[in-house]
Amino acid sequence: MAQYNLSFAGAGKVAGALCREFSSRGMNIRHIVSASEGSARLLADHYGATWSADPVFVEEVEVIIVAVPDHKLEKVIRSIRCHENTLVAHTAGSFGLEVFPDHINKRGVFYPLQTFSEERKVLFTDIPFFIEAGNPETELLLKNLAETLGAKAYVVDKENRKLLHLAAVFVCNFVNHMLTAGKDITLKAGLSFDVLEPLIKETISKAMEIGPDKSQTGPAIRNDKNTIAKHIDLLSCSPEFKSIYKEITESIIKYYKTGL
């Protein structure tokens, strides 16, 4: 297994998860840059690294990983000063190599398609990394970096990676919001969200096994107007969820061409 010296710009959930995993596999975390001193110092101290607020990397390392929110990405990357032989790679799904300034010679994208949180430890062997690089040498380094985590690396250009990022919003962020709606409605019925767990697990398992389009059930795919009307009436107390229910129901009906 290749051994790398790594530094990070960012000290949030993605940076924290990557630091933990790389360190557990024998990589050296050398320097953490973040304007958030509290979290950055804590992260740096934990891995025996140094910290600074300015994105100036004095020590030469193989890779600097930029894991910051999308709206900060371009500003942070353009501010980075590092050794000319260091690869700088960002973790954003919706950006490509265009965000790098000319003074960064080695550039790449190292996008993990996963959701991260401080409370949960994910298996990196299950995470696909979508990479893009400025040259074959950099591409190989990014592939090796993913492989040190036991992960799979896929070379995907910016436009297709943007579509993957959009798909991730649907299957993760939107699904979480649907689950939140289900939780709120279940609590209104005086029951615990736990009663939905078997249904949620079977829904996801079936979608992965036979495909989500072939797994669809419920009143919308049957165009059961009577049940749909009753559900809409029940949601009168929540205009937001009522609007979502109507939009999704109409979308399902149109998708399966059952007609209104």
Protein backbone atom coordinates (compact mmCIF):
# COMPACT_ATOMS: atom_id res chain seq x y z
CA MET A 1 0.00 0.00 0.00
CA ALA A 2 1.30 3.44 -0.94
CA GLN A 3 2.03 5.84 1.91
CA TYR A 4 1.22 9.52 1.48
CA ASN A 5 1.68 12.75 3.39
CA LEU A 6 -1.59 14.67 3.22
CA SER A 7 -2.77 18.14 4.16
CA PHE A 8 -6.30 19.52 4.18
CA ALA A 9 -8.07 22.77 3.44
CA GLY A 10 -11.26 22.46 5.47
CA ALA A 11 -12.11 20.92 8.82
CA GLY A 12 -15.76 19.94 8.41
CA LYS A 13 -17.51 16.58 8.14
CA VAL A 14 -15.90 15.46 4.89
CA ALA A 15 -12.40 16.53 5.92
CA GLY A 16 -12.85 14.89 9.33
CA ALA A 17 -14.01 11.59 7.83
CA LEU A 18 -11.16 11.54 5.31
CA CYS A 19 -8.56 12.41 7.96
CA ARG A 20 -9.80 9.60 10.19
CA GLU A 21 -9.79 7.01 7.42
CA PHE A 22 -6.46 7.98 5.87
CA SER A 23 -4.80 8.08 9.29
CA SER A 24 -6.20 4.65 10.19
CA ARG A 25 -4.50 3.31 7.05
CA GLY A 26 -1.10 4.69 7.91
CA MET A 27 -1.16 8.02 6.06
CA ASN A 28 0.38 11.09 7.68
CA ILE A 29 -1.86 14.12 8.20
CA ARG A 30 0.52 17.08 8.16
CA HIS A 31 -1.41 20.34 8.11
CA ILE A 32 -5.01 21.56 8.45
CA VAL A 33 -6.14 24.93 7.09
CA SER A 34 -9.47 26.42 8.16
CA ALA A 35 -10.82 29.77 9.28
CA SER A 36 -12.79 27.88 11.97
CA GLU A 37 -10.03 27.69 14.55
CA GLY A 38 -11.91 25.56 17.09
CA SER A 39 -12.73 22.59 14.85
CA ALA A 40 -9.48 22.89 12.87
CA ARG A 41 -7.23 22.90 15.93
CA LEU A 42 -9.14 19.97 17.39
CA LEU A 43 -8.76 18.00 14.16
CA ALA A 44 -5.08 18.92 13.78
CA ASP A 45 -4.22 18.06 17.38
CA HIS A 46 -5.96 14.69 17.09
CA TYR A 47 -3.74 13.66 14.18
CA GLY A 48 -0.55 15.37 15.28
CA ALA A 49 -0.82 17.96 12.51
CA THR A 50 -0.27 21.71 12.45
CA TRP A 51 -3.01 24.29 11.91
CA SER A 52 -3.32 27.71 10.28
CA ALA A 53 -6.09 30.02 9.13
CA ASP A 54 -4.29 31.04 5.94
CA PRO A 55 -4.16 28.53 3.05
CA VAL A 56 -0.38 28.58 2.85
CA PHE A 57 1.18 25.11 2.86
CA VAL A 58 4.88 25.51 3.60
CA GLU A 59 5.69 21.81 3.85
CA GLU A 60 5.80 19.78 0.65
CA VAL A 61 3.30 16.91 0.71
CA GLU A 62 2.01 14.60 -2.00
CA VAL A 63 -1.61 15.76 -1.79
CA ILE A 64 -3.67 18.66 -0.44
CA ILE A 65 -7.37 17.82 -0.24
CA VAL A 66 -9.76 20.76 -0.36
CA ALA A 67 -12.97 19.80 1.44
CA VAL A 68 -14.95 22.99 1.92
CA PRO A 69 -18.57 24.03 1.17
CA ASP A 70 -19.25 24.65 -2.53
CA HIS A 71 -19.81 28.37 -2.09
CA LYS A 72 -16.31 28.76 -0.60
CA LEU A 73 -14.48 26.45 -2.99
CA GLU A 74 -13.20 28.85 -5.65
CA LYS A 75 -12.06 31.47 -3.15
CA VAL A 76 -10.18 28.92 -1.05
CA ILE A 77 -8.51 27.22 -4.02
CA ARG A 78 -7.37 30.51 -5.54
CA SER A 79 -5.84 31.49 -2.20
CA ILE A 80 -3.79 28.30 -1.80
CA ARG A 81 -0.03 28.57 -1.92
CA CYS A 82 1.87 25.31 -1.98
CA HIS A 83 4.84 23.47 -3.45
CA GLU A 84 4.75 23.09 -7.24
CA ASN A 85 4.95 19.27 -6.96
CA THR A 86 1.93 18.98 -4.67
CA LEU A 87 -1.35 17.72 -6.07
CA VAL A 88 -4.34 19.84 -5.01
CA ALA A 89 -7.66 18.02 -5.30
CA HIS A 90 -11.13 19.16 -4.26
CA THR A 91 -14.03 16.95 -3.14
CA ALA A 92 -16.92 18.84 -4.78
CA GLY A 93 -19.28 17.03 -7.13
CA SER A 94 -20.49 20.04 -9.12
CA PHE A 95 -17.12 21.61 -9.94
CA GLY A 96 -14.30 20.49 -12.17
CA LEU A 97 -10.76 21.60 -12.97
CA GLU A 98 -11.90 25.07 -14.04
CA VAL A 99 -11.75 26.35 -10.44
CA PHE A 100 -7.97 25.95 -10.25
CA PRO A 101 -5.72 28.98 -10.86
CA ASP A 102 -2.67 28.76 -13.10
CA HIS A 103 -0.21 28.69 -10.19
CA ILE A 104 -1.43 25.23 -9.13
CA ASN A 105 0.36 22.81 -11.45
CA LYS A 106 -1.14 19.51 -10.32
CA ARG A 107 -4.91 19.59 -10.00
CA GLY A 108 -7.72 17.10 -9.64
CA VAL A 109 -11.15 16.15 -8.33
CA PHE A 110 -11.59 13.52 -5.62
CA TYR A 111 -15.37 13.31 -5.12
CA PRO A 112 -16.74 10.71 -2.67
CA LEU A 113 -20.38 9.93 -3.44
CA GLN A 114 -21.56 9.61 0.15
CA THR A 115 -23.21 11.59 2.93
CA PHE A 116 -21.08 12.24 6.01
CA SER A 117 -21.96 13.12 9.58
CA GLU A 118 -19.98 13.40 12.80
CA GLU A 119 -22.18 10.86 14.57
CA ARG A 120 -21.67 8.01 12.10
CA LYS A 121 -18.67 6.18 10.72
CA VAL A 122 -19.13 5.05 7.12
CA LEU A 123 -17.34 2.17 5.41
CA PHE A 124 -15.03 3.66 2.83
CA THR A 125 -14.80 0.32 1.06
CA ASP A 126 -18.42 0.92 0.01
CA ILE A 127 -17.86 4.47 -1.28
CA PRO A 128 -17.29 5.17 -4.99
CA PHE A 129 -14.85 8.01 -5.68
CA PHE A 130 -15.32 9.94 -8.92
CA ILE A 131 -12.09 11.49 -10.05
CA GLU A 132 -10.88 13.86 -12.70
CA ALA A 133 -7.30 14.95 -13.33
CA GLY A 134 -5.23 17.34 -15.38
CA ASN A 135 -2.90 14.62 -16.66
CA PRO A 136 -2.37 10.81 -16.54
CA GLU A 137 0.18 11.05 -13.70
CA THR A 138 -2.25 12.95 -11.49
CA GLU A 139 -5.08 10.58 -12.42
CA LEU A 140 -2.99 7.60 -11.31
CA LEU A 141 -2.18 9.28 -8.00
CA LEU A 142 -5.88 9.94 -7.33
CA LYS A 143 -6.72 6.32 -8.17
CA ASN A 144 -4.02 5.12 -5.78
CA LEU A 145 -5.35 7.47 -3.11
CA ALA A 146 -8.82 5.94 -3.39
CA GLU A 147 -7.40 2.43 -3.39
CA THR A 148 -5.54 3.09 -0.12
CA LEU A 149 -9.02 3.49 1.39
CA GLY A 150 -10.19 0.22 -0.15
CA ALA A 151 -12.55 2.21 -2.35
CA LYS A 152 -13.26 2.11 -6.07
CA ALA A 153 -12.28 5.04 -8.29
CA TYR A 154 -14.11 6.02 -11.47
CA VAL A 155 -12.85 8.56 -13.97
CA VAL A 156 -15.80 10.85 -14.75
CA ASP A 157 -15.78 14.27 -16.40
CA LYS A 158 -17.39 17.36 -14.88
CA GLU A 159 -20.67 17.26 -16.78
CA ASN A 160 -21.43 13.65 -15.88
CA ARG A 161 -20.24 14.19 -12.32
CA LYS A 162 -22.68 17.10 -12.01
CA LEU A 163 -25.46 14.72 -13.03
CA LEU A 164 -24.30 12.25 -10.38
CA HIS A 165 -24.36 15.03 -7.80
CA LEU A 166 -27.92 15.88 -8.87
CA ALA A 167 -28.90 12.21 -8.60
CA ALA A 168 -27.43 12.16 -5.09
CA VAL A 169 -29.66 15.09 -4.09
CA PHE A 170 -32.72 13.08 -5.15
CA VAL A 171 -31.77 9.80 -3.46
CA CYS A 172 -30.33 11.34 -0.28
CA ASN A 173 -31.48 14.89 0.48
CA PHE A 174 -34.97 14.57 -0.98
CA VAL A 175 -35.46 11.12 0.53
CA ASN A 176 -34.49 12.50 3.94
CA HIS A 177 -37.11 15.20 3.56
CA MET A 178 -39.73 12.59 2.62
CA LEU A 179 -38.74 10.58 5.70
CA THR A 180 -39.06 13.73 7.81
CA ALA A 181 -42.60 14.20 6.48
CA GLY A 182 -43.38 10.56 7.26
CA LYS A 183 -41.98 10.97 10.76
CA ASP A 184 -44.03 14.09 11.48
CA ILE A 185 -47.23 12.46 10.23
CA THR A 186 -46.56 9.29 12.24
CA LEU A 187 -46.03 11.33 15.40
CA LYS A 188 -49.37 13.05 14.75
CA ALA A 189 -50.90 9.58 14.83
CA GLY A 190 -49.42 9.12 18.30
CA LEU A 191 -46.89 6.50 17.17
CA SER A 192 -43.12 6.27 17.00
CA PHE A 193 -41.18 6.75 13.75
CA ASP A 194 -39.76 3.25 14.43
CA VAL A 195 -42.97 1.63 13.15
CA LEU A 196 -41.98 2.73 9.63
CA GLU A 197 -38.53 1.12 9.80
CA PRO A 198 -39.48 -2.27 8.26
CA LEU A 199 -41.23 -0.49 5.37
CA ILE A 200 -38.29 1.87 4.80
CA LYS A 201 -35.77 -0.99 4.79
CA GLU A 202 -37.86 -3.11 2.41
CA THR A 203 -38.41 -0.13 0.11
CA ILE A 204 -34.68 0.51 -0.24
CA SER A 205 -33.78 -3.20 -0.50
CA LYS A 206 -36.39 -3.80 -3.19
CA ALA A 207 -35.35 -0.70 -5.12
CA MET A 208 -31.74 -1.90 -5.22
CA GLU A 209 -32.71 -5.47 -6.04
CA ILE A 210 -35.21 -4.99 -8.86
CA GLY A 211 -34.99 -1.25 -9.56
CA PRO A 212 -36.95 1.66 -8.07
CA ASP A 213 -39.05 2.11 -11.22
CA LYS A 214 -40.23 -1.50 -10.97
CA SER A 215 -40.82 -1.29 -7.22
CA GLN A 216 -43.37 1.52 -7.20
CA THR A 217 -46.67 0.83 -5.42
CA GLY A 218 -49.39 2.97 -3.87
CA PRO A 219 -52.38 5.06 -4.90
CA ALA A 220 -50.57 7.25 -7.43
CA ILE A 221 -49.39 4.43 -9.70
CA ARG A 222 -52.95 2.99 -9.57
CA ASN A 223 -54.41 6.45 -10.15
CA ASP A 224 -56.64 5.80 -7.13
CA LYS A 225 -58.35 9.19 -7.05
CA ASN A 226 -60.51 8.36 -4.03
CA THR A 227 -57.53 7.53 -1.79
CA ILE A 228 -55.51 10.45 -3.15
CA ALA A 229 -58.35 12.86 -2.32
CA LYS A 230 -58.56 11.50 1.24
CA HIS A 231 -54.82 11.92 1.73
CA ILE A 232 -54.93 15.50 0.45
CA ASP A 233 -57.78 16.24 2.85
CA LEU A 234 -55.79 14.82 5.78
CA LEU A 235 -52.91 17.13 4.89
CA SER A 236 -55.01 20.28 5.19
CA CYS A 237 -53.19 20.98 8.47
CA SER A 238 -49.85 21.10 6.64
CA PRO A 239 -49.91 23.18 3.44
CA GLU A 240 -46.24 22.41 2.75
CA PHE A 241 -46.64 18.62 2.90
CA LYS A 242 -49.94 18.90 1.05
CA SER A 243 -48.19 20.69 -1.81
CA ILE A 244 -45.40 18.09 -1.87
CA TYR A 245 -47.91 15.23 -1.85
CA LYS A 246 -49.79 16.67 -4.82
CA GLU A 247 -46.60 17.39 -6.81
CA ILE A 248 -45.12 13.92 -6.23
CA THR A 249 -48.43 12.18 -6.91
CA GLU A 250 -48.85 14.01 -10.21
CA SER A 251 -45.25 13.19 -11.12
CA ILE A 252 -45.75 9.46 -10.44
CA ILE A 253 -48.96 9.41 -12.46
CA LYS A 254 -47.27 11.10 -15.42
CA TYR A 255 -44.16 8.93 -15.16
CA TYR A 256 -46.19 5.73 -15.41
CA LYS A 257 -48.59 7.30 -17.93
CA THR A 258 -51.73 6.27 -16.06
CA GLY A 259 -53.34 9.67 -16.75
CA LEU A 260 -55.36 11.90 -14.48
